[in-house]
N, C-alpha and C. Protein backbone atom coordinates (compact mmCIF):
# COMPACT_ATOMS: atom_id res chain seq x y z
N MET A 1 0.86 -1.11 0.01
CA MET A 1 0.04 -0.04 0.05
C MET A 1 0.82 1.16 -0.03
N GLY A 2 0.65 2.09 -0.99
CA GLY A 2 1.47 3.36 -1.16
C GLY A 2 1.03 4.35 -0.09
N GLU A 3 1.79 5.36 -0.10
CA GLU A 3 1.45 6.61 0.89
C GLU A 3 0.07 7.16 0.54
N ARG A 4 -0.19 7.38 -0.78
CA ARG A 4 -1.43 7.99 -1.17
C ARG A 4 -2.62 7.09 -0.69
N ASP A 5 -2.37 5.75 -0.90
CA ASP A 5 -3.54 4.75 -0.55
C ASP A 5 -3.76 4.76 0.98
N ARG A 6 -2.68 4.97 1.84
CA ARG A 6 -2.78 5.11 3.28
C ARG A 6 -3.54 6.31 3.65
N PHE A 7 -3.27 7.55 3.05
CA PHE A 7 -3.99 8.75 3.09
C PHE A 7 -5.49 8.63 2.77
N GLU A 8 -5.72 8.07 1.71
CA GLU A 8 -7.14 7.86 1.41
C GLU A 8 -7.94 6.98 2.34
N LEU A 9 -7.24 5.89 2.69
CA LEU A 9 -7.91 5.02 3.71
C LEU A 9 -8.15 5.71 5.09
N TRP A 10 -7.23 6.61 5.41
CA TRP A 10 -7.42 7.48 6.75
C TRP A 10 -8.53 8.38 6.53
N LEU A 11 -8.57 9.00 5.32
CA LEU A 11 -9.76 9.88 5.10
C LEU A 11 -11.17 9.21 5.15
N LYS A 12 -11.11 8.00 4.66
CA LYS A 12 -12.34 7.35 4.70
C LYS A 12 -12.85 6.84 6.11
N GLU A 13 -11.75 6.41 6.80
CA GLU A 13 -12.08 5.77 8.02
C GLU A 13 -12.10 6.84 9.30
N LYS A 14 -11.28 7.85 9.18
CA LYS A 14 -11.36 8.81 10.34
C LYS A 14 -12.16 10.12 10.01
N CYS A 15 -12.42 10.47 8.76
CA CYS A 15 -12.98 11.70 8.22
C CYS A 15 -14.38 11.45 7.57
N GLY A 16 -14.64 10.11 7.41
CA GLY A 16 -15.96 9.89 6.76
C GLY A 16 -16.03 10.38 5.22
N VAL A 17 -14.83 10.47 4.60
CA VAL A 17 -14.90 10.90 3.13
C VAL A 17 -15.26 9.74 2.19
N ARG A 18 -16.13 10.01 1.31
CA ARG A 18 -16.59 8.89 0.38
C ARG A 18 -15.72 8.95 -0.93
N ASP A 19 -15.82 7.76 -1.47
CA ASP A 19 -14.94 7.60 -2.72
C ASP A 19 -15.18 8.75 -3.88
N GLU A 20 -16.42 9.20 -4.01
CA GLU A 20 -16.70 10.32 -5.08
C GLU A 20 -15.92 11.57 -4.66
N SER A 21 -15.61 11.76 -3.42
CA SER A 21 -14.78 13.05 -2.96
C SER A 21 -13.38 13.00 -3.27
N LEU A 22 -12.80 11.72 -3.71
CA LEU A 22 -11.49 11.63 -3.95
C LEU A 22 -11.04 11.69 -5.42
N LEU A 23 -11.89 12.31 -6.13
CA LEU A 23 -11.77 12.56 -7.53
C LEU A 23 -10.50 13.34 -7.80
N LYS A 24 -9.64 12.81 -8.68
CA LYS A 24 -8.40 13.55 -9.02
C LYS A 24 -8.40 14.02 -10.43
N VAL A 25 -7.73 15.31 -10.57
CA VAL A 25 -7.58 15.88 -12.02
C VAL A 25 -6.11 16.04 -12.26
N GLY A 26 -5.79 16.60 -13.40
CA GLY A 26 -4.56 16.77 -13.78
C GLY A 26 -4.14 15.76 -14.96
N PRO A 27 -2.96 15.94 -15.59
CA PRO A 27 -2.59 15.03 -16.71
C PRO A 27 -2.31 13.71 -16.16
N ALA A 28 -1.84 13.61 -14.89
CA ALA A 28 -1.48 12.23 -14.37
C ALA A 28 -2.48 11.98 -13.23
N LYS A 29 -3.54 12.67 -13.07
CA LYS A 29 -4.65 12.44 -12.08
C LYS A 29 -3.81 12.44 -10.68
N GLU A 30 -2.92 13.41 -10.54
CA GLU A 30 -2.11 13.50 -9.36
C GLU A 30 -2.78 14.57 -8.22
N THR A 31 -3.70 15.37 -8.64
CA THR A 31 -4.25 16.41 -7.94
C THR A 31 -5.70 16.25 -7.54
N TYR A 32 -6.05 16.37 -6.23
CA TYR A 32 -7.38 16.21 -5.91
C TYR A 32 -8.32 17.40 -6.37
N PHE A 33 -9.55 17.11 -6.68
CA PHE A 33 -10.40 18.06 -7.34
C PHE A 33 -10.92 19.01 -6.19
N HIS A 34 -11.25 18.53 -5.13
CA HIS A 34 -11.74 19.14 -3.80
C HIS A 34 -10.57 19.86 -3.24
N SER A 35 -10.68 21.10 -2.88
CA SER A 35 -9.66 21.86 -2.23
C SER A 35 -9.28 21.37 -0.77
N ARG A 36 -10.29 20.90 -0.21
CA ARG A 36 -10.22 20.40 1.25
C ARG A 36 -9.37 19.15 1.32
N ILE A 37 -9.59 18.30 0.42
CA ILE A 37 -8.93 17.00 0.13
C ILE A 37 -7.54 17.35 -0.17
N ARG A 38 -7.25 18.27 -1.07
CA ARG A 38 -5.99 18.60 -1.65
C ARG A 38 -5.23 19.27 -0.50
N ASP A 39 -5.77 20.17 0.40
CA ASP A 39 -5.03 20.74 1.49
C ASP A 39 -4.64 19.72 2.54
N ARG A 40 -5.55 18.82 2.81
CA ARG A 40 -5.13 17.62 3.72
C ARG A 40 -4.08 16.71 3.13
N TRP A 41 -4.09 16.48 1.78
CA TRP A 41 -3.00 15.78 1.23
C TRP A 41 -1.82 16.52 1.21
N GLU A 42 -1.71 17.73 0.99
CA GLU A 42 -0.35 18.48 1.27
C GLU A 42 0.00 18.53 2.63
N ALA A 43 -0.89 18.63 3.67
CA ALA A 43 -0.47 18.53 5.00
C ALA A 43 0.04 17.23 5.36
N TRP A 44 -0.59 16.17 4.86
CA TRP A 44 -0.15 14.75 5.14
C TRP A 44 1.31 14.58 4.75
N GLN A 45 1.61 15.16 3.32
CA GLN A 45 2.89 15.00 2.86
C GLN A 45 3.82 15.71 3.64
N ALA A 46 3.52 16.89 4.15
CA ALA A 46 4.34 17.80 4.83
C ALA A 46 4.68 17.22 6.32
N SER A 47 3.79 16.57 6.85
CA SER A 47 4.00 15.93 8.24
C SER A 47 4.87 14.83 8.10
N ARG A 48 4.96 14.04 6.89
CA ARG A 48 5.90 13.04 6.80
C ARG A 48 7.28 13.61 6.51
N ALA A 49 7.32 14.63 5.60
CA ALA A 49 8.58 15.27 5.34
C ALA A 49 9.23 15.80 6.40
N ALA A 50 8.50 16.33 7.48
CA ALA A 50 9.04 16.96 8.75
C ALA A 50 9.75 16.13 9.69
N ILE A 51 9.45 14.71 9.51
CA ILE A 51 10.05 13.72 10.45
C ILE A 51 11.51 13.42 9.86
N GLU A 52 12.52 13.56 10.65
CA GLU A 52 13.83 13.16 10.34
C GLU A 52 14.33 12.35 11.51
N ILE A 53 15.13 11.18 11.04
CA ILE A 53 15.61 10.34 12.06
C ILE A 53 17.04 10.13 11.77
N GLU A 54 17.83 10.10 12.78
CA GLU A 54 19.30 9.87 12.55
C GLU A 54 19.64 8.41 13.09
N ILE A 55 20.32 7.78 12.31
CA ILE A 55 20.53 6.37 12.60
C ILE A 55 22.05 6.22 12.75
N TYR A 56 22.47 5.75 13.85
CA TYR A 56 23.86 5.59 14.20
C TYR A 56 24.46 4.49 13.71
N ASP A 57 25.76 4.44 13.29
CA ASP A 57 26.44 3.25 12.81
C ASP A 57 26.76 2.39 13.84
N PHE A 58 26.22 1.17 13.87
CA PHE A 58 26.53 0.16 14.89
C PHE A 58 27.71 -0.81 14.41
N ASP A 59 28.92 -0.41 14.73
CA ASP A 59 30.15 -1.11 14.29
C ASP A 59 30.21 -2.35 14.93
N SER A 60 29.69 -2.56 16.14
CA SER A 60 29.90 -3.88 16.79
C SER A 60 28.57 -4.77 16.71
N PHE A 61 27.69 -4.33 15.98
CA PHE A 61 26.32 -4.87 15.85
C PHE A 61 26.49 -6.24 15.04
N SER A 62 25.79 -7.28 15.57
CA SER A 62 25.75 -8.55 14.83
C SER A 62 24.31 -9.02 14.86
N PRO A 63 23.99 -9.37 13.68
CA PRO A 63 22.55 -9.96 13.59
C PRO A 63 22.29 -11.08 14.45
N TYR A 64 23.35 -11.74 14.92
CA TYR A 64 23.18 -12.96 15.82
C TYR A 64 22.95 -12.46 17.18
N ASP A 65 23.05 -11.15 17.52
CA ASP A 65 22.73 -10.67 18.91
C ASP A 65 21.28 -10.68 19.21
N CYS A 66 20.48 -10.59 18.21
CA CYS A 66 19.18 -10.35 18.34
C CYS A 66 18.35 -11.71 17.62
N GLY A 67 19.05 -12.40 17.10
CA GLY A 67 18.30 -13.47 16.37
C GLY A 67 17.40 -13.20 15.35
N GLU A 68 16.32 -13.60 15.32
CA GLU A 68 15.38 -13.28 14.13
C GLU A 68 14.80 -11.99 14.28
N ASP A 69 14.97 -11.20 15.54
CA ASP A 69 14.53 -9.83 15.68
C ASP A 69 15.45 -8.76 15.05
N ALA A 70 16.57 -9.23 14.51
CA ALA A 70 17.60 -8.36 14.00
C ALA A 70 17.07 -7.61 12.73
N VAL A 71 17.32 -6.37 12.62
CA VAL A 71 16.95 -5.44 11.47
C VAL A 71 18.21 -4.93 10.93
N TRP A 72 18.55 -5.13 9.65
CA TRP A 72 19.64 -4.57 9.00
C TRP A 72 19.36 -2.98 8.74
N THR A 73 20.28 -2.17 9.10
CA THR A 73 20.03 -0.60 8.94
C THR A 73 19.69 -0.36 7.47
N THR A 74 20.09 -1.00 6.48
CA THR A 74 19.56 -0.70 5.23
C THR A 74 18.12 -1.02 4.97
N GLU A 75 17.58 -2.01 5.55
CA GLU A 75 16.31 -2.37 5.46
C GLU A 75 15.47 -1.42 6.28
N LEU A 76 15.92 -0.99 7.45
CA LEU A 76 15.21 0.09 8.18
C LEU A 76 15.06 1.35 7.44
N ILE A 77 16.28 1.89 6.81
CA ILE A 77 16.14 3.12 6.05
C ILE A 77 15.17 2.87 4.82
N ARG A 78 15.25 1.83 4.19
CA ARG A 78 14.35 1.59 3.07
C ARG A 78 12.96 1.53 3.45
N THR A 79 12.56 0.87 4.74
CA THR A 79 11.27 0.84 5.22
C THR A 79 10.64 2.27 5.62
N LEU A 80 11.53 3.13 6.22
CA LEU A 80 11.18 4.45 6.68
C LEU A 80 10.90 5.33 5.51
N ALA A 81 11.83 5.16 4.43
CA ALA A 81 11.81 6.08 3.24
C ALA A 81 10.43 5.64 2.52
N LYS A 82 9.96 4.51 2.50
CA LYS A 82 8.73 4.19 1.92
C LYS A 82 7.55 4.88 2.66
N ARG A 83 7.69 5.18 3.86
CA ARG A 83 6.76 5.95 4.59
C ARG A 83 6.87 7.33 4.57
N GLY A 84 7.79 7.86 3.85
CA GLY A 84 7.97 9.23 3.64
C GLY A 84 8.72 9.81 4.83
N ILE A 85 9.57 9.02 5.57
CA ILE A 85 10.35 9.62 6.64
C ILE A 85 11.86 9.76 6.15
N ILE A 86 12.43 10.90 6.43
CA ILE A 86 13.74 11.17 5.95
C ILE A 86 14.78 10.61 6.94
N VAL A 87 15.77 9.95 6.55
CA VAL A 87 16.79 9.45 7.30
C VAL A 87 18.06 10.26 7.03
N LYS A 88 18.64 10.79 8.04
CA LYS A 88 19.82 11.62 7.98
C LYS A 88 21.01 10.80 7.67
N GLU A 89 21.87 11.24 6.87
CA GLU A 89 23.07 10.31 6.62
C GLU A 89 24.24 10.90 7.45
């Protein structure tokens, strides 16, 4: 599920927005027709972009320390980026 899908699901579940209110316009159908939905989408994106996480280098980390719960830093960064969260380098 992509970020826009999560946003639209949130709109439906928490705000009671119906599918017909999610009409998109523009060449690639990337912009919401209704200004309230468009404003909420921009705020949603800005809220994700405002989050920054700094990940420290774990030189002595071994995946064997945590067993199956171990998470590689690259996988963590990829997962956060998919959610629109910026990871400082």
